[in-house]
């Protein structure tokens, strides 16, 4: 799978006072809240496990609406990783 990259000028990154991983998490949360990313995809973008991402959303007062289809997709991903 390919990797898309976004270029953000260094002065803007510095202005946020966030690290790159923190910026990824904030973008994932925003896209999840807007309904543009599923829980599973947002969690993947945030580079967090299910429980950590769920806790992060909870700490922000955001309902995770993690459904059965996403759970099954995550289980399949876990199986695939385990087979490597």
PDB file of N, CA and C in Angstrom:
ATOM      1  N   UNK A   1       0.846  -1.177   0.000  1.00  0.00           N
ATOM      2  CA  UNK A   1       0.000   0.000   0.000  1.00  0.00           C
ATOM      3  C   UNK A   1       0.889   1.237   0.000  1.00  0.00           C
ATOM      4  N   UNK A   2       0.537   2.215  -0.855  1.00  0.00           N
ATOM      5  CA  UNK A   2       1.317   3.444  -0.946  1.00  0.00           C
ATOM      6  C   UNK A   2       1.066   4.360   0.230  1.00  0.00           C
ATOM      7  N   UNK A   3       1.892   5.368   0.312  1.00  0.00           N
ATOM      8  CA  UNK A   3       1.790   6.328   1.412  1.00  0.00           C
ATOM      9  C   UNK A   3       1.653   7.717   0.812  1.00  0.00           C
ATOM     10  N   UNK A   4       0.587   8.423   1.152  1.00  0.00           N
ATOM     11  CA  UNK A   4       0.407   9.812   0.728  1.00  0.00           C
ATOM     12  C   UNK A   4       1.093  10.706   1.747  1.00  0.00           C
ATOM     13  N   UNK A   5       1.645  11.789   1.273  1.00  0.00           N
ATOM     14  CA  UNK A   5       2.321  12.703   2.176  1.00  0.00           C
ATOM     15  C   UNK A   5       1.742  14.101   2.028  1.00  0.00           C
ATOM     16  N   UNK A   6       1.706  14.813   3.127  1.00  0.00           N
ATOM     17  CA  UNK A   6       1.246  16.197   3.147  1.00  0.00           C
ATOM     18  C   UNK A   6       2.423  17.040   3.606  1.00  0.00           C
ATOM     19  N   UNK A   7       2.705  18.102   2.860  1.00  0.00           N
ATOM     20  CA  UNK A   7       3.787  18.997   3.270  1.00  0.00           C
ATOM     21  C   UNK A   7       3.204  20.179   4.035  1.00  0.00           C
ATOM     22  N   UNK A   8       3.740  20.391   5.218  1.00  0.00           N
ATOM     23  CA  UNK A   8       3.321  21.514   6.055  1.00  0.00           C
ATOM     24  C   UNK A   8       4.586  22.303   6.382  1.00  0.00           C
ATOM     25  N   UNK A   9       4.607  23.590   6.057  1.00  0.00           N
ATOM     26  CA  UNK A   9       5.802  24.378   6.357  1.00  0.00           C
ATOM     27  C   UNK A   9       6.182  24.265   7.837  1.00  0.00           C
ATOM     28  N   UNK A  10       7.476  24.176   8.084  1.00  0.00           N
ATOM     29  CA  UNK A  10       7.990  23.976   9.437  1.00  0.00           C
ATOM     30  C   UNK A  10       7.489  25.047  10.406  1.00  0.00           C
ATOM     31  N   UNK A  11       7.399  26.301   9.945  1.00  0.00           N
ATOM     32  CA  UNK A  11       6.944  27.369  10.859  1.00  0.00           C
ATOM     33  C   UNK A  11       5.494  27.147  11.293  1.00  0.00           C
ATOM     34  N   UNK A  12       4.678  26.527  10.440  1.00  0.00           N
ATOM     35  CA  UNK A  12       3.299  26.230  10.836  1.00  0.00           C
ATOM     36  C   UNK A  12       3.251  25.075  11.823  1.00  0.00           C
ATOM     37  N   UNK A  13       4.085  24.068  11.601  1.00  0.00           N
ATOM     38  CA  UNK A  13       4.162  22.953  12.549  1.00  0.00           C
ATOM     39  C   UNK A  13       4.598  23.498  13.913  1.00  0.00           C
ATOM     40  N   UNK A  14       5.616  24.354  13.906  1.00  0.00           N
ATOM     41  CA  UNK A  14       6.100  24.930  15.158  1.00  0.00           C
ATOM     42  C   UNK A  14       5.020  25.776  15.825  1.00  0.00           C
ATOM     43  N   UNK A  15       4.205  26.466  15.027  1.00  0.00           N
ATOM     44  CA  UNK A  15       3.151  27.322  15.581  1.00  0.00           C
ATOM     45  C   UNK A  15       2.104  26.495  16.334  1.00  0.00           C
ATOM     46  N   UNK A  16       1.905  25.244  15.944  1.00  0.00           N
ATOM     47  CA  UNK A  16       0.921  24.404  16.626  1.00  0.00           C
ATOM     48  C   UNK A  16       1.425  23.926  17.975  1.00  0.00           C
ATOM     49  N   UNK A  17       2.736  23.929  18.146  1.00  0.00           N
ATOM     50  CA  UNK A  17       3.383  23.387  19.357  1.00  0.00           C
ATOM     51  C   UNK A  17       3.058  21.904  19.546  1.00  0.00           C
ATOM     52  N   UNK A  18       2.847  21.208  18.411  1.00  0.00           N
ATOM     53  CA  UNK A  18       2.571  19.775  18.434  1.00  0.00           C
ATOM     54  C   UNK A  18       3.665  19.035  17.685  1.00  0.00           C
ATOM     55  N   UNK A  19       3.881  17.794  18.075  1.00  0.00           N
ATOM     56  CA  UNK A  19       4.793  16.936  17.324  1.00  0.00           C
ATOM     57  C   UNK A  19       4.038  16.395  16.112  1.00  0.00           C
ATOM     58  N   UNK A  20       4.749  15.807  15.167  1.00  0.00           N
ATOM     59  CA  UNK A  20       4.105  15.226  13.990  1.00  0.00           C
ATOM     60  C   UNK A  20       3.101  14.136  14.406  1.00  0.00           C
ATOM     61  N   UNK A  21       3.458  13.206  15.314  1.00  0.00           N
ATOM     62  CA  UNK A  21       2.463  12.218  15.748  1.00  0.00           C
ATOM     63  C   UNK A  21       1.227  12.861  16.385  1.00  0.00           C
ATOM     64  N   UNK A  22       1.413  13.938  17.131  1.00  0.00           N
ATOM     65  CA  UNK A  22       0.277  14.640  17.735  1.00  0.00           C
ATOM     66  C   UNK A  22      -0.597  15.284  16.658  1.00  0.00           C
ATOM     67  N   UNK A  23       0.037  15.835  15.632  1.00  0.00           N
ATOM     68  CA  UNK A  23      -0.720  16.424  14.521  1.00  0.00           C
ATOM     69  C   UNK A  23      -1.550  15.362  13.807  1.00  0.00           C
ATOM     70  N   UNK A  24      -0.955  14.176  13.607  1.00  0.00           N
ATOM     71  CA  UNK A  24      -1.689  13.071  12.971  1.00  0.00           C
ATOM     72  C   UNK A  24      -2.902  12.697  13.806  1.00  0.00           C
ATOM     73  N   UNK A  25      -2.733  12.636  15.130  1.00  0.00           N
ATOM     74  CA  UNK A  25      -3.851  12.300  16.013  1.00  0.00           C
ATOM     75  C   UNK A  25      -4.951  13.351  15.921  1.00  0.00           C
ATOM     76  N   UNK A  26      -4.559  14.634  15.935  1.00  0.00           N
ATOM     77  CA  UNK A  26      -5.546  15.711  15.868  1.00  0.00           C
ATOM     78  C   UNK A  26      -6.308  15.669  14.546  1.00  0.00           C
ATOM     79  N   UNK A  27      -5.605  15.390  13.460  1.00  0.00           N
ATOM     80  CA  UNK A  27      -6.260  15.288  12.159  1.00  0.00           C
ATOM     81  C   UNK A  27      -7.206  14.092  12.146  1.00  0.00           C
ATOM     82  N   UNK A  28      -6.770  12.970  12.700  1.00  0.00           N
ATOM     83  CA  UNK A  28      -7.613  11.774  12.757  1.00  0.00           C
ATOM     84  C   UNK A  28      -8.882  12.035  13.567  1.00  0.00           C
ATOM     85  N   UNK A  29      -8.743  12.702  14.706  1.00  0.00           N
ATOM     86  CA  UNK A  29      -9.897  13.016  15.553  1.00  0.00           C
ATOM     87  C   UNK A  29     -10.864  13.930  14.801  1.00  0.00           C
ATOM     88  N   UNK A  30     -10.342  14.961  14.155  1.00  0.00           N
ATOM     89  CA  UNK A  30     -11.192  15.905  13.437  1.00  0.00           C
ATOM     90  C   UNK A  30     -11.950  15.210  12.309  1.00  0.00           C
ATOM     91  N   UNK A  31     -11.264  14.370  11.543  1.00  0.00           N
ATOM     92  CA  UNK A  31     -11.915  13.677  10.430  1.00  0.00           C
ATOM     93  C   UNK A  31     -12.934  12.660  10.932  1.00  0.00           C
ATOM     94  N   UNK A  32     -12.641  12.027  12.057  1.00  0.00           N
ATOM     95  CA  UNK A  32     -13.594  11.090  12.662  1.00  0.00           C
ATOM     96  C   UNK A  32     -14.847  11.847  13.113  1.00  0.00           C
ATOM     97  N   UNK A  33     -14.658  12.970  13.793  1.00  0.00           N
ATOM     98  CA  UNK A  33     -15.790  13.763  14.282  1.00  0.00           C
ATOM     99  C   UNK A  33     -16.671  14.240  13.133  1.00  0.00           C
ATOM    100  N   UNK A  34     -16.066  14.546  12.001  1.00  0.00           N
ATOM    101  CA  UNK A  34     -16.814  15.022  10.834  1.00  0.00           C
ATOM    102  C   UNK A  34     -17.480  13.877  10.074  1.00  0.00           C
ATOM    103  N   UNK A  35     -17.198  12.635  10.493  1.00  0.00           N
ATOM    104  CA  UNK A  35     -17.775  11.491   9.806  1.00  0.00           C
ATOM    105  C   UNK A  35     -17.064  11.156   8.502  1.00  0.00           C
ATOM    106  N   UNK A  36     -15.883  11.723   8.300  1.00  0.00           N
ATOM    107  CA  UNK A  36     -15.136  11.482   7.068  1.00  0.00           C
ATOM    108  C   UNK A  36     -14.269  10.231   7.160  1.00  0.00           C
ATOM    109  N   UNK A  37     -13.957   9.812   8.380  1.00  0.00           N
ATOM    110  CA  UNK A  37     -13.209   8.573   8.605  1.00  0.00           C
ATOM    111  C   UNK A  37     -13.953   7.724   9.622  1.00  0.00           C
ATOM    112  N   UNK A  38     -13.962   6.420   9.395  1.00  0.00           N
ATOM    113  CA  UNK A  38     -14.533   5.492  10.368  1.00  0.00           C
ATOM    114  C   UNK A  38     -13.620   5.449  11.589  1.00  0.00           C
ATOM    115  N   UNK A  39     -14.113   4.840  12.652  1.00  0.00           N
ATOM    116  CA  UNK A  39     -13.299   4.667  13.856  1.00  0.00           C
ATOM    117  C   UNK A  39     -11.996   3.946  13.503  1.00  0.00           C
ATOM    118  N   UNK A  40     -12.119   2.845  12.770  1.00  0.00           N
ATOM    119  CA  UNK A  40     -10.945   2.039  12.421  1.00  0.00           C
ATOM    120  C   UNK A  40      -9.924   2.805  11.603  1.00  0.00           C
ATOM    121  N   UNK A  41     -10.386   3.554  10.614  1.00  0.00           N
ATOM    122  CA  UNK A  41      -9.464   4.322   9.758  1.00  0.00           C
ATOM    123  C   UNK A  41      -8.852   5.483  10.527  1.00  0.00           C
ATOM    124  N   UNK A  42      -9.639   6.143  11.370  1.00  0.00           N
ATOM    125  CA  UNK A  42      -9.109   7.248  12.172  1.00  0.00           C
ATOM    126  C   UNK A  42      -8.065   6.722  13.152  1.00  0.00           C
ATOM    127  N   UNK A  43      -8.363   5.580  13.754  1.00  0.00           N
ATOM    128  CA  UNK A  43      -7.418   4.952  14.686  1.00  0.00           C
ATOM    129  C   UNK A  43      -6.115   4.626  13.970  1.00  0.00           C
ATOM    130  N   UNK A  44      -6.242   4.130  12.744  1.00  0.00           N
ATOM    131  CA  UNK A  44      -5.062   3.800  11.942  1.00  0.00           C
ATOM    132  C   UNK A  44      -4.257   5.065  11.637  1.00  0.00           C
ATOM    133  N   UNK A  45      -4.945   6.146  11.255  1.00  0.00           N
ATOM    134  CA  UNK A  45      -4.262   7.406  10.966  1.00  0.00           C
ATOM    135  C   UNK A  45      -3.560   7.933  12.212  1.00  0.00           C
ATOM    136  N   UNK A  46      -4.212   7.763  13.365  1.00  0.00           N
ATOM    137  CA  UNK A  46      -3.637   8.234  14.630  1.00  0.00           C
ATOM    138  C   UNK A  46      -2.493   7.332  15.097  1.00  0.00           C
ATOM    139  N   UNK A  47      -2.366   6.165  14.458  1.00  0.00           N
ATOM    140  CA  UNK A  47      -1.334   5.181  14.811  1.00  0.00           C
ATOM    141  C   UNK A  47      -1.453   4.769  16.279  1.00  0.00           C
ATOM    142  N   UNK A  48      -2.703   4.421  16.660  1.00  0.00           N
ATOM    143  CA  UNK A  48      -2.978   4.020  18.033  1.00  0.00           C
ATOM    144  C   UNK A  48      -3.741   2.706  18.020  1.00  0.00           C
ATOM    145  N   UNK A  49      -3.644   1.936  19.107  1.00  0.00           N
ATOM    146  CA  UNK A  49      -4.455   0.725  19.181  1.00  0.00           C
ATOM    147  C   UNK A  49      -5.889   1.120  19.533  1.00  0.00           C
ATOM    148  N   UNK A  50      -6.784   0.137  19.401  1.00  0.00           N
ATOM    149  CA  UNK A  50      -8.214   0.394  19.586  1.00  0.00           C
ATOM    150  C   UNK A  50      -8.494   1.064  20.922  1.00  0.00           C
ATOM    151  N   UNK A  51      -7.954   0.489  21.984  1.00  0.00           N
ATOM    152  CA  UNK A  51      -8.290   0.967  23.332  1.00  0.00           C
ATOM    153  C   UNK A  51      -7.725   2.349  23.597  1.00  0.00           C
ATOM    154  N   UNK A  52      -6.499   2.599  23.132  1.00  0.00           N
ATOM    155  CA  UNK A  52      -5.894   3.918  23.350  1.00  0.00           C
ATOM    156  C   UNK A  52      -6.670   4.994  22.596  1.00  0.00           C
ATOM    157  N   UNK A  53      -7.082   4.689  21.364  1.00  0.00           N
ATOM    158  CA  UNK A  53      -7.827   5.666  20.578  1.00  0.00           C
ATOM    159  C   UNK A  53      -9.205   5.909  21.198  1.00  0.00           C
ATOM    160  N   UNK A  54      -9.819   4.838  21.672  1.00  0.00           N
ATOM    161  CA  UNK A  54     -11.121   4.950  22.331  1.00  0.00           C
ATOM    162  C   UNK A  54     -11.007   5.845  23.574  1.00  0.00           C
ATOM    163  N   UNK A  55      -9.937   5.650  24.346  1.00  0.00           N
ATOM    164  CA  UNK A  55      -9.721   6.469  25.542  1.00  0.00           C
ATOM    165  C   UNK A  55      -9.481   7.932  25.174  1.00  0.00           C
ATOM    166  N   UNK A  56      -8.704   8.151  24.109  1.00  0.00           N
ATOM    167  CA  UNK A  56      -8.436   9.514  23.663  1.00  0.00           C
ATOM    168  C   UNK A  56      -9.740  10.207  23.277  1.00  0.00           C
ATOM    169  N   UNK A  57     -10.579   9.515  22.504  1.00  0.00           N
ATOM    170  CA  UNK A  57     -11.872  10.093  22.128  1.00  0.00           C
ATOM    171  C   UNK A  57     -12.705  10.380  23.377  1.00  0.00           C
ATOM    172  N   UNK A  58     -12.737   9.424  24.305  1.00  0.00           N
ATOM    173  CA  UNK A  58     -13.498   9.600  25.535  1.00  0.00           C
ATOM    174  C   UNK A  58     -13.023  10.803  26.330  1.00  0.00           C
ATOM    175  N   UNK A  59     -11.702  11.009  26.346  1.00  0.00           N
ATOM    176  CA  UNK A  59     -11.153  12.143  27.103  1.00  0.00           C
ATOM    177  C   UNK A  59     -11.562  13.477  26.484  1.00  0.00           C
ATOM    178  N   UNK A  60     -11.963  13.432  25.222  1.00  0.00           N
ATOM    179  CA  UNK A  60     -12.423  14.643  24.521  1.00  0.00           C
ATOM    180  C   UNK A  60     -13.949  14.727  24.489  1.00  0.00           C
ATOM    181  N   UNK A  61     -14.614  13.739  25.111  1.00  0.00           N
ATOM    182  CA  UNK A  61     -16.074  13.735  25.115  1.00  0.00           C
ATOM    183  C   UNK A  61     -16.669  13.351  23.777  1.00  0.00           C
ATOM    184  N   UNK A  62     -15.911  12.574  22.986  1.00  0.00           N
ATOM    185  CA  UNK A  62     -16.367  12.163  21.654  1.00  0.00           C
ATOM    186  C   UNK A  62     -16.803  10.708  21.717  1.00  0.00           C
ATOM    187  N   UNK A  63     -18.022  10.429  21.274  1.00  0.00           N
ATOM    188  CA  UNK A  63     -18.527   9.059  21.252  1.00  0.00           C
ATOM    189  C   UNK A  63     -17.814   8.273  20.160  1.00  0.00           C
ATOM    190  N   UNK A  64     -17.277   7.097  20.492  1.00  0.00           N
ATOM    191  CA  UNK A  64     -16.513   6.358  19.487  1.00  0.00           C
ATOM    192  C   UNK A  64     -17.346   5.709  18.386  1.00  0.00           C
ATOM    193  N   UNK A  65     -18.664   5.546  18.529  1.00  0.00           N
ATOM    194  CA  UNK A  65     -19.499   4.803  17.591  1.00  0.00           C
ATOM    195  C   UNK A  65     -18.696   3.793  16.754  1.00  0.00           C
ATOM    196  N   UNK A  66     -18.134   2.849  17.471  1.00  0.00           N
ATOM    197  CA  UNK A  66     -17.341   1.755  16.899  1.00  0.00           C
ATOM    198  C   UNK A  66     -18.301   0.613  16.651  1.00  0.00           C
ATOM    199  N   UNK A  67     -18.572   0.297  15.376  1.00  0.00           N
ATOM    200  CA  UNK A  67     -19.602  -0.695  15.103  1.00  0.00           C
ATOM    201  C   UNK A  67     -19.028  -2.084  14.807  1.00  0.00           C
ATOM    202  N   UNK A  68     -19.920  -3.040  14.663  1.00  0.00           N
ATOM    203  CA  UNK A  68     -19.527  -4.434  14.470  1.00  0.00           C
ATOM    204  C   UNK A  68     -18.678  -4.615  13.215  1.00  0.00           C
ATOM    205  N   UNK A  69     -19.030  -3.954  12.131  1.00  0.00           N
ATOM    206  CA  UNK A  69     -18.267  -4.088  10.880  1.00  0.00           C
ATOM    207  C   UNK A  69     -16.827  -3.612  11.076  1.00  0.00           C
ATOM    208  N   UNK A  70     -16.657  -2.520  11.798  1.00  0.00           N
ATOM    209  CA  UNK A  70     -15.305  -2.010  12.055  1.00  0.00           C
ATOM    210  C   UNK A  70     -14.540  -2.957  12.976  1.00  0.00           C
ATOM    211  N   UNK A  71     -15.222  -3.527  13.955  1.00  0.00           N
ATOM    212  CA  UNK A  71     -14.600  -4.501  14.850  1.00  0.00           C
ATOM    213  C   UNK A  71     -14.105  -5.704  14.048  1.00  0.00           C
ATOM    214  N   UNK A  72     -14.953  -6.203  13.162  1.00  0.00           N
ATOM    215  CA  UNK A  72     -14.562  -7.360  12.351  1.00  0.00           C
ATOM    216  C   UNK A  72     -13.407  -7.016  11.423  1.00  0.00           C
ATOM    217  N   UNK A  73     -13.400  -5.806  10.869  1.00  0.00           N
ATOM    218  CA  UNK A  73     -12.287  -5.376  10.007  1.00  0.00           C
ATOM    219  C   UNK A  73     -10.996  -5.302  10.818  1.00  0.00           C
ATOM    220  N   UNK A  74     -11.072  -4.790  12.044  1.00  0.00           N
ATOM    221  CA  UNK A  74      -9.887  -4.741  12.903  1.00  0.00           C
ATOM    222  C   UNK A  74      -9.399  -6.148  13.247  1.00  0.00           C
ATOM    223  N   UNK A  75     -10.326  -7.061  13.519  1.00  0.00           N
ATOM    224  CA  UNK A  75      -9.927  -8.443  13.806  1.00  0.00           C
ATOM    225  C   UNK A  75      -9.204  -9.051  12.612  1.00  0.00           C
ATOM    226  N   UNK A  76      -9.711  -8.788  11.404  1.00  0.00           N
ATOM    227  CA  UNK A  76      -9.063  -9.304  10.192  1.00  0.00           C
ATOM    228  C   UNK A  76      -7.655  -8.725  10.060  1.00  0.00           C
ATOM    229  N   UNK A  77      -7.492  -7.433  10.318  1.00  0.00           N
ATOM    230  CA  UNK A  77      -6.176  -6.800  10.255  1.00  0.00           C
ATOM    231  C   UNK A  77      -5.232  -7.446  11.260  1.00  0.00           C
ATOM    232  N   UNK A  78      -5.715  -7.697  12.467  1.00  0.00           N
ATOM    233  CA  UNK A  78      -4.902  -8.328  13.496  1.00  0.00           C
ATOM    234  C   UNK A  78      -4.462  -9.722  13.044  1.00  0.00           C
ATOM    235  N   UNK A  79      -5.392 -10.464  12.443  1.00  0.00           N
ATOM    236  CA  UNK A  79      -5.052 -11.803  11.928  1.00  0.00           C
ATOM    237  C   UNK A  79      -3.975 -11.721  10.857  1.00  0.00           C
ATOM    238  N   UNK A  80      -4.124 -10.770   9.934  1.00  0.00           N
ATOM    239  CA  UNK A  80      -3.164 -10.613   8.851  1.00  0.00           C
ATOM    240  C   UNK A  80      -1.777 -10.245   9.383  1.00  0.00           C
ATOM    241  N   UNK A  81      -1.746  -9.367  10.364  1.00  0.00           N
ATOM    242  CA  UNK A  81      -0.463  -8.986  10.983  1.00  0.00           C
ATOM    243  C   UNK A  81       0.166 -10.202  11.654  1.00  0.00           C
ATOM    244  N   UNK A  82      -0.655 -11.013  12.309  1.00  0.00           N
ATOM    245  CA  UNK A  82      -0.166 -12.203  12.994  1.00  0.00           C
ATOM    246  C   UNK A  82       0.399 -13.265  12.044  1.00  0.00           C
ATOM    247  N   UNK A  83      -0.063 -13.231  10.799  1.00  0.00           N
ATOM    248  CA  UNK A  83       0.398 -14.215   9.822  1.00  0.00           C
ATOM    249  C   UNK A  83       1.731 -13.844   9.207  1.00  0.00           C
ATOM    250  N   UNK A  84       2.162 -12.610   9.375  1.00  0.00           N
ATOM    251  CA  UNK A  84       3.418 -12.140   8.751  1.00  0.00           C
ATOM    252  C   UNK A  84       4.618 -12.623   9.511  1.00  0.00           C
TER     253      UNK A  84
END
